[in-house]
Amino acid sequence: MPRMIPAVARFGANSSERRLFSALEGVLDRLDWVVFHSLVIRQHLDKLMGEADFLVVAPGKGIVVVEAKAPRSVEYRDGEWTLDGTPSPHKSPLEQVDGAVRSIRSFLLREGAIDGDEPIARLLWFTSIGRHHFGGRAPSDLTFFEWELAWADDLARPAALVEKVLDEHIAWHAESDHVNHDPAGVTREKVDRIVGSLTRDFDVAADDRDARREATQREVALLAEQRFALELVGANRAVYFDGPAGSGKSYLVAQAAIDAIKRGERTLLTCWNLVMADRLRADTQVVRGSLAVADLGAVMLRVAGLDAHPADATNAWFQEELPALALRALAEHPERGGYRNVVVDEFQDIAGNPLLVDVLVALAAPDAHVMLAGDERQQIMRPTSERVDPFEVAKSRMPDLVLARIRRNCRQAPALVAQSEKIVGRPFGFAAHRMPPTAPGGAERVVATRGNEAAMLAGVLKLLSQQHSLNEIVVLSPWGARSLAARIVAGDLDEPAHANDVRWLRANLGDGAGRARFGSISKLKGIEVDAVVVTDVGADARDRADAHDLDWDDLLYVGLSRAKHRAVVLEPRLAATWSA
């Protein structure tokens, strides 16, 4: 029995194809033959697509392309065919098979499956009409040979007929000086190449990367659904969106700025964090217009008429001196402000400094539309004794400010949130998850003993990189230059027993393609990435946070909530000691 591809007649095959499939399937003494049924030809040379009813590959003989028909009657007049009872009765069946032959030959040559001297014959098989109508010999003319037509009688001996067609084809063309057929060249190995080219079998299952891509697309769709919140508050002049990390606040403020630009209104979109400003700028590049997107420090520089911050700028420069310069400049040159829309993300970073709030008010035109977004828990670098309620601060300046709470998680895998909440010891504040509970993700603690931190960090990053690109992994720390990653890259940490891991980390940490970024939680709190590794969370770090009156749990909350799928907390501990 030949190898039939597919093993059963395709669903929907017509009666002629089913008869011919059964006949070829019943050949018992041609085990090395391969028969393709209903071979779709997308790379057709003459039209968008075509089909070969059957393709028979016979080692040592050649290839036959077969067109199967089961008409009630056949009429051939003046070179025109009429096949009564077929879907296209006036369509030339031989032209169909000619197009299939040319396309298959061209494809196999391009694939390197054949050399070009293999015999490829054509055959038109009428499975519903007997040969007896022609007194033993079928008709032929200049356009086709008698042996290129097969009839219902031939279904009883399909192998002999196929071989006769190939023999006749080869014999006829042997008289030509321009055709060189080599049936012996159709070897078993070449047949395997033909099969491999025409039917590329593969077996693949969706993996974690597919699931993450689907999750990303789902996140985009879910965020788009958050636009309803803008519609609900659109009639209000001043709105404050309050919600935990991942609830879509940044998406909403970016969309509000885009909508304002589409209305032709001069708009400012700002925040305090540099990384967050870069992200907002990228999110709003879809429109052109009078939109200024920058961190508030850069905005104040511009209105003050300065080019850059001083090289030795201290916190007093950003919090006191620069705001005072900006306010003075805006009083003298109000045209440097006058924004019809002032949109501010991460307002909690600004709310604790009245001077900065004054700057925002001065930048706005009279009766400007104001949209603010914030999360009180993200005041992570402000001592807890100095924290403020961002909404109440804004409300004191804008009595008509409307509070809109959004509490649905649109970004993080629910498992990541649940496990991160256990690590932090507090709920993140979501009322519901828009992401499905099956979305892949999670968070865990990994213990690293003293002197083994670099090796553990390298191991964690290598494991994460099997599912996420290094560009989508960030190493965060409560601290900047004193962080584990910063000390490794600077050459200030040496673990002789793990020199290879240290070298790998130095080669794969940092900015640039193919590297995992690292930095402090406060500096990079505007990012969203697939995976996060949080380091430097030992007892000494907690003591340092307590000494500065910083909320340790909120530091962890902000760090872990940068991840969309996976988070790892690398927790250093002293190695155990034993005594007799």
Protein backbone atom coordinates (compact mmCIF):
# COMPACT_ATOMS: atom_id res chain seq x y z
CA MET A 1 0.00 0.00 0.00
CA PRO A 2 1.44 3.44 -0.91
CA ARG A 3 1.91 6.09 1.75
CA MET A 4 -1.27 8.18 1.53
CA ILE A 5 -1.02 11.85 2.55
CA PRO A 6 -3.37 12.45 4.27
CA ALA A 7 -4.15 8.94 5.47
CA VAL A 8 -7.86 9.34 4.74
CA ALA A 9 -9.71 11.20 2.01
CA ARG A 10 -10.18 14.84 2.98
CA PHE A 11 -13.52 15.94 4.35
CA GLY A 12 -15.70 17.22 1.52
CA ALA A 13 -13.91 15.28 -1.24
CA ASN A 14 -16.18 14.76 -4.27
CA SER A 15 -17.18 11.37 -5.61
CA SER A 16 -14.41 11.16 -8.21
CA GLU A 17 -11.74 11.94 -5.62
CA ARG A 18 -13.14 9.40 -3.16
CA ARG A 19 -13.20 6.67 -5.86
CA LEU A 20 -9.66 7.40 -6.94
CA PHE A 21 -8.42 7.62 -3.34
CA SER A 22 -9.88 4.16 -2.63
CA ALA A 23 -8.31 2.76 -5.81
CA LEU A 24 -4.82 4.09 -5.05
CA GLU A 25 -5.10 3.15 -1.37
CA GLY A 26 -5.84 -0.41 -2.48
CA VAL A 27 -2.55 -0.84 -4.38
CA LEU A 28 -0.71 -3.50 -2.37
CA ASP A 29 2.57 -3.91 -4.24
CA ARG A 30 3.90 -0.34 -4.45
CA LEU A 31 4.97 0.21 -0.86
CA ASP A 32 7.55 2.87 -1.79
CA TRP A 33 5.05 5.08 -3.61
CA VAL A 34 3.74 8.28 -2.04
CA VAL A 35 0.31 9.66 -2.96
CA PHE A 36 -0.73 13.19 -2.03
CA HIS A 37 -4.46 13.89 -2.04
CA SER A 38 -6.00 17.36 -2.38
CA LEU A 39 -2.65 19.15 -2.38
CA VAL A 40 -3.35 22.87 -1.98
CA ILE A 41 -1.00 25.05 -4.06
CA ARG A 42 -0.75 28.50 -2.50
CA GLN A 43 2.43 29.30 -4.41
CA HIS A 44 0.65 28.95 -7.73
CA LEU A 45 2.29 30.50 -10.79
CA ASP A 46 -0.93 31.39 -12.62
CA LYS A 47 -3.45 32.40 -9.93
CA LEU A 48 -3.89 33.11 -6.24
CA MET A 49 -4.13 29.44 -5.39
CA GLY A 50 -4.88 26.06 -6.91
CA GLU A 51 -5.12 22.40 -6.02
CA ALA A 52 -3.83 19.09 -7.31
CA ASP A 53 -6.39 16.36 -6.75
CA PHE A 54 -3.61 13.76 -6.57
CA LEU A 55 0.16 13.75 -6.85
CA VAL A 56 1.71 10.30 -7.26
CA VAL A 57 5.45 9.96 -6.66
CA ALA A 58 6.85 6.64 -7.90
CA PRO A 59 10.55 5.95 -7.15
CA GLY A 60 12.48 4.95 -10.24
CA LYS A 61 9.63 6.13 -12.45
CA GLY A 62 8.62 9.76 -11.93
CA ILE A 63 5.75 11.94 -10.78
CA VAL A 64 2.16 12.12 -12.04
CA VAL A 65 -0.23 14.98 -11.31
CA VAL A 66 -3.83 13.76 -11.54
CA GLU A 67 -7.05 15.71 -12.06
CA ALA A 68 -10.11 13.64 -11.07
CA LYS A 69 -13.54 14.29 -12.61
CA ALA A 70 -16.90 12.54 -12.39
CA PRO A 71 -19.10 14.21 -15.06
CA ARG A 72 -22.42 12.89 -16.33
CA SER A 73 -21.11 13.44 -19.85
CA VAL A 74 -17.98 14.71 -21.61
CA GLU A 75 -18.05 16.80 -24.79
CA TYR A 76 -14.92 18.04 -26.55
CA ARG A 77 -15.57 20.35 -29.54
CA ASP A 78 -13.10 22.64 -31.29
CA GLY A 79 -10.69 22.44 -28.40
CA GLU A 80 -13.36 23.32 -25.82
CA TRP A 81 -14.36 20.98 -23.01
CA THR A 82 -17.85 20.61 -21.55
CA LEU A 83 -18.10 18.38 -18.49
CA ASP A 84 -21.77 18.20 -17.62
CA GLY A 85 -22.48 17.74 -13.91
CA THR A 86 -19.26 19.39 -12.66
CA PRO A 87 -19.06 22.75 -10.82
CA SER A 88 -17.31 24.47 -13.76
CA PRO A 89 -18.42 22.51 -16.83
CA HIS A 90 -16.62 24.67 -19.41
CA LYS A 91 -13.32 24.97 -17.59
CA SER A 92 -10.51 23.05 -19.28
CA PRO A 93 -9.43 20.25 -16.93
CA LEU A 94 -6.08 19.92 -18.69
CA GLU A 95 -5.29 23.60 -18.17
CA GLN A 96 -5.98 23.03 -14.46
CA VAL A 97 -3.50 20.17 -14.28
CA ASP A 98 -0.95 22.05 -16.42
CA GLY A 99 -0.97 24.94 -13.94
CA ALA A 100 -0.53 22.51 -11.07
CA VAL A 101 2.41 20.77 -12.81
CA ARG A 102 4.23 24.04 -13.48
CA SER A 103 3.68 25.32 -9.97
CA ILE A 104 4.75 22.09 -8.26
CA ARG A 105 7.87 21.75 -10.45
CA SER A 106 8.83 25.38 -9.80
CA PHE A 107 8.34 25.03 -6.04
CA LEU A 108 10.31 21.77 -5.77
CA LEU A 109 13.18 23.28 -7.78
CA ARG A 110 13.29 26.31 -5.49
CA GLU A 111 13.30 24.03 -2.48
CA GLY A 112 16.12 21.92 -3.92
CA ALA A 113 13.96 18.79 -3.67
CA ILE A 114 14.40 17.91 -7.37
CA ASP A 115 17.10 18.55 -9.98
CA GLY A 116 14.83 19.29 -12.96
CA ASP A 117 15.28 16.10 -14.99
CA GLU A 118 12.62 14.10 -13.16
CA PRO A 119 9.65 13.08 -15.37
CA ILE A 120 6.45 14.88 -14.31
CA ALA A 121 3.44 13.70 -16.31
CA ARG A 122 -0.20 14.75 -16.22
CA LEU A 123 -3.32 12.62 -16.13
CA LEU A 124 -7.03 13.46 -16.45
CA TRP A 125 -9.09 10.70 -14.82
CA PHE A 126 -12.84 10.41 -15.58
CA THR A 127 -14.03 8.08 -12.81
CA SER A 128 -17.68 8.03 -13.91
CA ILE A 129 -17.37 7.09 -17.62
CA GLY A 130 -16.04 3.82 -19.08
CA ARG A 131 -13.47 3.37 -21.82
CA HIS A 132 -15.92 1.22 -23.84
CA HIS A 133 -17.47 4.36 -25.36
CA PHE A 134 -14.40 4.68 -27.60
CA GLY A 135 -14.09 1.08 -28.82
CA GLY A 136 -10.97 0.41 -26.77
CA ARG A 137 -8.97 3.51 -27.69
CA ALA A 138 -9.57 6.93 -26.14
CA PRO A 139 -9.43 10.10 -28.25
CA SER A 140 -6.47 12.47 -28.59
CA ASP A 141 -5.49 15.53 -30.62
CA LEU A 142 -2.67 18.03 -30.83
CA THR A 143 -3.30 19.27 -27.29
CA PHE A 144 -3.31 15.96 -25.41
CA PHE A 145 -2.32 12.34 -25.77
CA GLU A 146 -4.65 9.36 -25.58
CA TRP A 147 -2.67 7.99 -22.63
CA GLU A 148 -3.21 11.21 -20.67
CA LEU A 149 -6.88 10.28 -20.23
CA ALA A 150 -8.04 7.59 -17.79
CA TRP A 151 -11.50 6.13 -17.34
CA ALA A 152 -13.66 4.30 -14.82
CA ASP A 153 -12.33 0.92 -16.01
CA ASP A 154 -8.80 1.95 -15.02
CA LEU A 155 -9.75 2.20 -11.34
CA ALA A 156 -9.27 -1.57 -11.20
CA ARG A 157 -5.53 -1.27 -12.04
CA PRO A 158 -4.36 2.21 -10.95
CA ALA A 159 -0.68 1.29 -10.47
CA ALA A 160 -0.35 -0.14 -13.98
CA LEU A 161 -2.05 2.93 -15.44
CA VAL A 162 0.22 5.39 -13.59
CA GLU A 163 3.32 3.51 -14.76
CA LYS A 164 1.98 3.39 -18.33
CA VAL A 165 1.46 7.16 -18.30
CA LEU A 166 5.05 7.71 -17.10
CA ASP A 167 6.47 5.24 -19.62
CA GLU A 168 4.59 6.92 -22.49
CA HIS A 169 5.58 10.37 -21.28
CA ILE A 170 9.25 9.42 -21.11
CA ALA A 171 9.17 7.63 -24.46
CA TRP A 172 7.62 10.57 -26.27
CA HIS A 173 10.04 13.11 -24.88
CA ALA A 174 13.00 10.85 -25.50
CA GLU A 175 12.74 11.90 -29.16
CA SER A 176 13.36 15.54 -28.16
CA ASP A 177 16.88 16.99 -28.03
CA HIS A 178 15.72 19.58 -25.51
CA VAL A 179 14.15 17.29 -22.91
CA ASN A 180 16.29 14.98 -20.76
CA HIS A 181 14.32 12.82 -18.37
CA ASP A 182 16.01 10.58 -15.82
CA PRO A 183 13.45 8.36 -14.08
CA ALA A 184 16.25 6.63 -12.13
CA GLY A 185 16.93 10.00 -10.52
CA VAL A 186 13.66 9.71 -8.60
CA THR A 187 15.42 7.95 -5.74
CA ARG A 188 14.05 7.04 -2.34
CA GLU A 189 16.07 9.90 -0.83
CA LYS A 190 14.65 12.34 -3.38
CA VAL A 191 11.12 11.14 -2.64
CA ASP A 192 11.77 11.91 1.04
CA ARG A 193 12.92 15.41 0.07
CA ILE A 194 9.78 15.92 -2.02
CA VAL A 195 7.58 14.82 0.86
CA GLY A 196 9.48 17.06 3.27
CA SER A 197 9.08 20.06 0.98
CA LEU A 198 5.40 19.60 0.18
CA THR A 199 4.29 18.77 3.72
CA ARG A 200 6.33 20.42 6.44
CA ASP A 201 5.15 18.50 9.46
CA PHE A 202 5.61 20.20 12.79
CA ASP A 203 4.28 19.81 16.29
CA VAL A 204 4.30 22.79 18.62
CA ALA A 205 2.44 23.71 21.78
CA ALA A 206 1.89 27.13 23.27
CA ASP A 207 4.52 27.90 25.90
CA ASP A 208 5.02 30.58 28.54
CA ARG A 209 6.21 33.13 25.98
CA ASP A 210 3.04 32.64 23.96
CA ALA A 211 1.01 33.03 27.12
CA ARG A 212 2.86 36.23 28.01
CA ARG A 213 2.33 37.67 24.54
CA GLU A 214 -1.36 36.90 24.84
CA ALA A 215 -1.35 38.51 28.29
CA THR A 216 0.27 41.65 26.85
CA GLN A 217 -2.38 41.87 24.15
CA ARG A 218 -5.04 41.31 26.78
CA GLU A 219 -3.54 44.05 28.94
CA VAL A 220 -3.73 46.50 26.03
CA ALA A 221 -7.36 45.59 25.46
CA LEU A 222 -8.21 45.88 29.16
CA LEU A 223 -6.56 49.27 29.45
CA ALA A 224 -8.50 50.45 26.43
CA GLU A 225 -11.69 49.44 28.25
CA GLN A 226 -10.65 51.77 31.10
CA ARG A 227 -11.50 54.70 28.83
CA PHE A 228 -15.00 54.49 30.24
CA ALA A 229 -13.60 56.22 33.34
CA LEU A 230 -12.69 59.27 31.23
CA GLU A 231 -16.21 59.34 29.83
CA LEU A 232 -17.72 59.21 33.33
CA VAL A 233 -15.79 62.26 34.55
CA GLY A 234 -15.50 64.13 31.26
CA ALA A 235 -17.96 66.85 32.28
CA ASN A 236 -15.80 67.87 35.26
CA ARG A 237 -13.14 70.58 35.07
CA ALA A 238 -10.79 68.95 37.59
CA VAL A 239 -10.46 65.22 38.26
CA TYR A 240 -8.20 63.15 40.53
CA PHE A 241 -7.75 59.46 39.69
CA ASP A 242 -6.72 57.46 42.73
CA GLY A 243 -5.66 53.83 42.39
CA PRO A 244 -2.95 51.26 43.14
CA ALA A 245 -0.09 50.47 40.78
CA GLY A 246 -1.40 48.58 37.75
CA SER A 247 -4.93 50.02 37.78
CA GLY A 248 -4.39 52.01 34.57
CA LYS A 249 -3.86 55.54 35.92
CA SER A 250 -0.97 56.33 33.56
CA TYR A 251 -2.98 55.04 30.61
CA LEU A 252 -5.87 57.31 31.52
CA VAL A 253 -3.78 60.48 31.86
CA ALA A 254 -2.01 59.74 28.57
CA GLN A 255 -5.36 59.21 26.83
CA ALA A 256 -6.71 62.41 28.35
CA ALA A 257 -3.73 64.34 26.94
CA ILE A 258 -4.22 62.74 23.52
CA ASP A 259 -7.92 63.64 23.54
CA ALA A 260 -7.08 67.25 24.42
CA ILE A 261 -4.59 67.51 21.55
CA LYS A 262 -7.18 66.13 19.16
CA ARG A 263 -9.45 68.95 20.27
CA GLY A 264 -6.66 71.38 19.35
CA GLU A 265 -6.00 72.49 22.94
CA ARG A 266 -2.57 73.40 24.31
CA THR A 267 -1.71 70.69 26.84
CA LEU A 268 0.98 69.89 29.42
CA LEU A 269 1.56 66.28 30.46
CA THR A 270 4.04 65.98 33.30
CA CYS A 271 5.23 64.04 36.35
CA TRP A 272 8.20 64.14 38.70
CA ASN A 273 10.03 60.92 37.74
CA LEU A 274 12.33 61.01 34.68
CA VAL A 275 11.64 57.41 33.65
CA MET A 276 7.90 57.96 33.97
CA ALA A 277 8.18 61.05 31.76
CA ASP A 278 9.95 59.01 29.06
CA ARG A 279 7.17 56.46 29.18
CA LEU A 280 4.44 59.10 28.92
CA ARG A 281 6.26 60.65 25.98
CA ALA A 282 6.36 57.29 24.21
CA ASP A 283 2.68 56.63 24.94
CA THR A 284 1.58 59.95 23.41
CA GLN A 285 3.68 59.91 20.25
CA VAL A 286 0.63 58.79 18.30
CA VAL A 287 -0.55 62.38 17.87
CA ARG A 288 0.94 65.66 16.70
CA GLY A 289 -0.02 68.97 18.20
CA SER A 290 0.58 71.43 20.99
CA LEU A 291 1.55 68.84 23.60
CA ALA A 292 4.44 69.31 26.03
CA VAL A 293 5.55 66.09 27.72
CA ALA A 294 8.38 66.36 30.26
CA ASP A 295 9.25 65.79 33.88
CA LEU A 296 8.39 68.78 36.06
CA GLY A 297 12.07 69.58 36.61
CA ALA A 298 12.56 70.02 32.87
CA VAL A 299 9.36 72.09 32.64
CA MET A 300 10.62 74.42 35.38
CA LEU A 301 14.00 74.77 33.64
CA ARG A 302 12.28 75.83 30.44
CA VAL A 303 9.98 78.41 31.98
CA ALA A 304 12.91 79.79 34.03
CA GLY A 305 14.92 80.21 30.82
CA LEU A 306 17.66 77.75 31.88
CA ASP A 307 19.34 75.08 29.76
CA ALA A 308 20.31 72.52 32.38
CA HIS A 309 20.42 71.74 36.07
CA PRO A 310 23.65 72.69 37.89
CA ALA A 311 26.21 69.89 37.90
CA ASP A 312 26.29 70.03 41.71
CA ALA A 313 22.54 70.40 42.14
CA THR A 314 21.28 69.27 45.54
CA ASN A 315 17.81 68.39 46.70
CA ALA A 316 17.36 72.03 47.72
CA TRP A 317 17.79 73.04 44.07
CA PHE A 318 14.95 70.83 42.88
CA GLN A 319 12.63 71.39 45.84
CA GLU A 320 13.20 75.09 46.61
CA GLU A 321 15.47 77.12 44.34
CA LEU A 322 14.24 75.95 40.92
CA PRO A 323 10.53 76.17 41.82
CA ALA A 324 11.09 79.73 43.06
CA LEU A 325 12.82 80.66 39.79
CA ALA A 326 10.01 79.09 37.77
CA LEU A 327 7.31 80.91 39.73
CA ARG A 328 9.10 84.25 39.27
CA ALA A 329 9.45 83.61 35.52
CA LEU A 330 5.79 82.65 35.15
CA ALA A 331 4.73 85.80 36.96
CA GLU A 332 6.77 87.88 34.52
CA HIS A 333 6.04 85.77 31.44
CA PRO A 334 2.64 84.09 31.86
CA GLU A 335 2.73 83.02 28.20
CA ARG A 336 5.32 80.39 29.19
CA GLY A 337 2.43 78.66 30.91
CA GLY A 338 -1.18 79.24 29.98
CA TYR A 339 -1.94 75.56 29.32
CA ARG A 340 -5.56 74.79 28.57
CA ASN A 341 -5.04 71.31 30.00
CA VAL A 342 -2.64 70.34 32.79
CA VAL A 343 -2.34 66.58 33.18
CA VAL A 344 -0.14 65.18 35.96
CA ASP A 345 0.79 61.55 36.61
CA GLU A 346 2.17 60.32 39.96
CA PHE A 347 0.92 63.50 41.65
CA GLN A 348 1.84 62.06 45.07
CA ASP A 349 5.51 62.77 44.24
CA ILE A 350 4.68 66.49 43.94
CA ALA A 351 1.91 66.96 46.49
CA GLY A 352 4.21 67.08 49.52
CA ASN A 353 5.95 70.27 48.33
CA PRO A 354 3.67 73.35 48.26
CA LEU A 355 6.11 75.17 45.95
CA LEU A 356 5.78 72.47 43.29
CA VAL A 357 2.01 72.58 43.56
CA ASP A 358 2.22 76.36 43.14
CA VAL A 359 4.18 75.83 39.93
CA LEU A 360 1.49 73.52 38.52
CA VAL A 361 -1.22 76.06 39.35
CA ALA A 362 0.81 78.84 37.72
CA LEU A 363 1.30 76.78 34.55
CA ALA A 364 -2.46 76.41 34.06
CA ALA A 365 -4.59 78.92 32.19
CA PRO A 366 -7.64 80.35 33.99
CA ASP A 367 -10.39 77.71 34.08
CA ALA A 368 -7.97 75.12 32.67
CA HIS A 369 -8.94 71.46 32.73
CA VAL A 370 -6.82 69.60 35.28
CA MET A 371 -6.38 65.86 35.56
CA LEU A 372 -4.26 64.33 38.29
CA ALA A 373 -3.43 60.71 39.06
CA GLY A 374 -1.79 59.36 42.17
CA ASP A 375 -1.28 56.64 44.74
CA GLU A 376 -0.62 57.79 48.30
CA ARG A 377 1.44 54.68 49.11
CA GLN A 378 4.00 55.54 46.44
CA GLN A 379 5.47 58.47 48.45
CA ILE A 380 8.32 56.09 49.13
CA MET A 381 11.19 58.60 49.51
CA ARG A 382 9.24 60.91 51.82
CA PRO A 383 9.46 60.28 55.57
CA THR A 384 6.20 58.85 56.85
CA SER A 385 5.87 61.81 59.23
CA GLU A 386 5.91 64.17 56.22
CA ARG A 387 3.52 62.28 53.98
CA VAL A 388 0.39 64.00 52.76
CA ASP A 389 -2.94 63.01 51.30
CA PRO A 390 -2.41 63.95 47.60
CA PHE A 391 -6.11 64.35 46.90
CA GLU A 392 -6.69 66.65 49.86
CA VAL A 393 -3.68 68.78 48.84
CA ALA A 394 -5.11 69.21 45.35
CA LYS A 395 -8.64 69.71 46.68
CA SER A 396 -7.43 72.64 48.84
CA ARG A 397 -6.29 74.39 45.64
CA MET A 398 -9.23 73.30 43.47
CA PRO A 399 -12.46 73.05 45.46
CA ASP A 400 -14.30 71.60 42.44
CA LEU A 401 -11.86 68.68 42.17
CA VAL A 402 -13.68 65.34 41.72
CA LEU A 403 -12.25 62.11 43.17
CA ALA A 404 -12.46 59.02 40.94
CA ARG A 405 -11.24 55.77 42.49
CA ILE A 406 -10.11 52.98 40.15
CA ARG A 407 -9.46 49.65 41.79
CA ARG A 408 -9.32 47.05 39.03
CA ASN A 409 -5.99 45.43 38.19
CA CYS A 410 -5.32 45.71 34.45
CA ARG A 411 -1.61 44.88 34.30
CA GLN A 412 -0.32 42.25 36.71
CA ALA A 413 -0.94 38.51 36.76
CA PRO A 414 -3.33 37.82 39.67
CA ALA A 415 -0.97 35.17 41.06
CA LEU A 416 1.85 37.72 41.08
CA VAL A 417 -0.34 40.16 43.05
CA ALA A 418 -1.47 37.53 45.56
CA GLN A 419 2.05 36.29 46.27
CA SER A 420 3.50 39.82 46.34
CA GLU A 421 0.87 40.83 48.91
CA LYS A 422 2.06 37.96 51.14
CA ILE A 423 5.67 39.12 50.81
CA VAL A 424 4.79 42.75 51.57
CA GLY A 425 2.31 41.88 54.30
CA ARG A 426 -0.34 44.30 53.00
CA PRO A 427 -2.97 44.16 50.25
CA PHE A 428 -2.20 46.20 47.15
CA GLY A 429 -5.72 47.62 47.16
CA PHE A 430 -7.37 45.98 44.15
CA ALA A 431 -11.10 45.32 44.24
CA ALA A 432 -10.92 42.95 41.26
CA HIS A 433 -8.63 41.58 38.56
CA ARG A 434 -9.30 42.13 34.88
CA MET A 435 -6.53 39.68 34.00
CA PRO A 436 -7.72 36.03 34.11
CA PRO A 437 -6.66 33.93 37.13
CA THR A 438 -4.84 31.55 34.76
CA ALA A 439 -2.44 34.28 33.55
CA PRO A 440 1.10 32.95 34.19
CA GLY A 441 3.05 34.68 36.92
CA GLY A 442 4.07 34.70 40.55
CA ALA A 443 6.41 36.06 43.20
CA GLU A 444 8.80 34.32 45.54
CA ARG A 445 11.58 34.85 48.05
CA VAL A 446 15.00 33.36 47.34
CA VAL A 447 17.56 33.21 50.17
CA ALA A 448 21.17 34.19 49.45
CA THR A 449 23.80 33.71 52.16
CA ARG A 450 26.50 36.30 52.69
CA GLY A 451 29.25 35.87 50.13
CA ASN A 452 26.86 34.11 47.76
CA GLU A 453 24.69 37.03 46.62
CA ALA A 454 26.28 37.48 43.17
CA ALA A 455 26.00 33.77 42.38
CA MET A 456 22.34 33.72 43.43
CA LEU A 457 21.55 36.87 41.42
CA ALA A 458 23.20 35.36 38.34
CA GLY A 459 21.26 32.13 38.82
CA VAL A 460 17.93 33.94 39.20
CA LEU A 461 18.54 36.10 36.11
CA LYS A 462 19.55 33.08 34.02
CA LEU A 463 16.38 31.24 35.03
CA LEU A 464 14.18 34.25 34.31
CA SER A 465 15.89 34.80 30.96
CA GLN A 466 14.63 31.39 29.83
CA GLN A 467 11.13 32.89 29.76
CA HIS A 468 11.78 36.63 29.40
CA SER A 469 14.36 38.59 27.45
CA LEU A 470 16.94 40.33 29.63
CA ASN A 471 15.63 43.65 28.29
CA GLU A 472 12.35 42.87 30.04
CA ILE A 473 13.99 42.10 33.40
CA VAL A 474 14.97 44.79 35.92
CA VAL A 475 17.01 44.45 39.10
CA LEU A 476 15.73 46.88 41.73
CA SER A 477 17.09 47.91 45.11
CA PRO A 478 15.95 50.33 47.80
CA TRP A 479 19.33 51.99 47.27
CA GLY A 480 21.26 53.35 44.31
CA ALA A 481 25.07 53.24 44.24
CA ARG A 482 25.14 50.92 47.28
CA SER A 483 22.97 48.27 45.62
CA LEU A 484 24.23 44.76 44.93
CA ALA A 485 24.02 45.20 41.13
CA ALA A 486 25.77 48.60 41.22
CA ARG A 487 28.64 47.21 43.32
CA ILE A 488 29.05 44.24 40.98
CA VAL A 489 29.19 46.39 37.85
CA ALA A 490 31.52 48.92 39.50
CA GLY A 491 33.89 46.12 40.53
CA ASP A 492 33.37 46.80 44.24
CA LEU A 493 32.10 43.31 45.02
CA ASP A 494 34.32 40.30 44.64
CA GLU A 495 33.32 36.70 45.23
CA PRO A 496 36.41 34.66 44.25
CA ALA A 497 34.46 31.41 44.53
CA HIS A 498 31.94 32.71 42.00
CA ALA A 499 34.17 34.63 39.57
CA ASN A 500 32.34 33.28 36.51
CA ASP A 501 28.99 34.51 37.85
CA VAL A 502 30.44 37.95 38.59
CA ARG A 503 31.85 38.18 35.06
CA TRP A 504 28.49 37.12 33.61
CA LEU A 505 26.67 39.77 35.64
CA ARG A 506 29.06 42.52 34.57
CA ALA A 507 28.47 41.54 30.94
CA ASN A 508 24.66 41.34 31.25
CA LEU A 509 23.70 44.15 33.65
CA GLY A 510 23.25 47.73 32.49
CA ASP A 511 21.62 49.78 29.78
CA GLY A 512 21.62 48.58 26.18
CA ALA A 513 20.24 45.77 24.08
CA GLY A 514 20.35 42.32 25.61
CA ARG A 515 21.00 43.57 29.16
CA ALA A 516 18.96 43.69 32.33
CA ARG A 517 18.62 47.21 33.72
CA PHE A 518 19.28 47.93 37.37
CA GLY A 519 18.63 50.88 39.64
CA SER A 520 16.86 52.11 42.72
CA ILE A 521 13.15 51.57 43.22
CA SER A 522 12.56 55.32 43.45
CA LYS A 523 14.45 56.04 40.22
CA LEU A 524 12.79 53.32 38.15
CA LYS A 525 9.31 53.36 39.66
CA GLY A 526 7.84 54.52 36.36
CA ILE A 527 8.72 51.31 34.52
CA GLU A 528 6.63 48.27 33.64
CA VAL A 529 8.54 45.09 32.76
CA ASP A 530 7.91 41.36 32.55
CA ALA A 531 10.03 40.45 35.56
CA VAL A 532 11.65 42.16 38.53
CA VAL A 533 14.36 41.04 40.94
CA VAL A 534 14.49 42.99 44.21
CA THR A 535 17.81 42.88 46.07
CA ASP A 536 19.28 44.40 49.27
CA VAL A 537 16.29 43.65 51.47
CA GLY A 538 18.12 42.28 54.52
CA ALA A 539 17.81 43.42 58.11
CA ASP A 540 20.44 46.15 57.62
CA ALA A 541 18.36 47.65 54.78
CA ARG A 542 15.26 47.65 56.95
CA ASP A 543 17.20 49.37 59.71
CA ARG A 544 18.39 52.00 57.26
CA ALA A 545 14.82 52.62 56.08
CA ASP A 546 13.65 52.94 59.70
CA ALA A 547 16.47 55.40 60.40
CA HIS A 548 15.19 57.62 57.56
CA ASP A 549 11.55 57.14 58.64
CA LEU A 550 10.72 55.44 55.31
CA ASP A 551 7.88 52.94 54.98
CA TRP A 552 9.65 49.64 54.21
CA ASP A 553 6.50 47.81 53.12
CA ASP A 554 5.63 50.54 50.64
CA LEU A 555 9.16 50.36 49.19
CA LEU A 556 8.62 46.65 48.53
CA TYR A 557 5.10 47.31 47.18
CA VAL A 558 6.40 49.79 44.61
CA GLY A 559 9.30 47.54 43.63
CA LEU A 560 7.24 44.38 43.20
CA SER A 561 4.44 46.18 41.36
CA ARG A 562 6.84 47.10 38.52
CA ALA A 563 6.55 43.47 37.34
CA LYS A 564 3.78 42.22 35.11
CA HIS A 565 4.45 38.49 35.37
CA ARG A 566 7.24 37.46 37.71
CA ALA A 567 8.99 38.91 40.77
CA VAL A 568 11.81 37.52 42.90
CA VAL A 569 12.99 38.95 46.20
CA LEU A 570 16.64 38.06 46.81
CA GLU A 571 16.88 37.98 50.57
CA PRO A 572 20.38 37.93 52.11
CA ARG A 573 20.93 35.99 55.31
CA LEU A 574 23.91 35.14 57.44
CA ALA A 575 25.33 31.69 56.88
CA ALA A 576 24.61 29.28 59.71
CA THR A 577 27.48 28.59 62.11
CA TRP A 578 27.99 25.45 64.15
CA SER A 579 29.83 24.90 67.40
CA ALA A 580 30.68 21.75 69.23
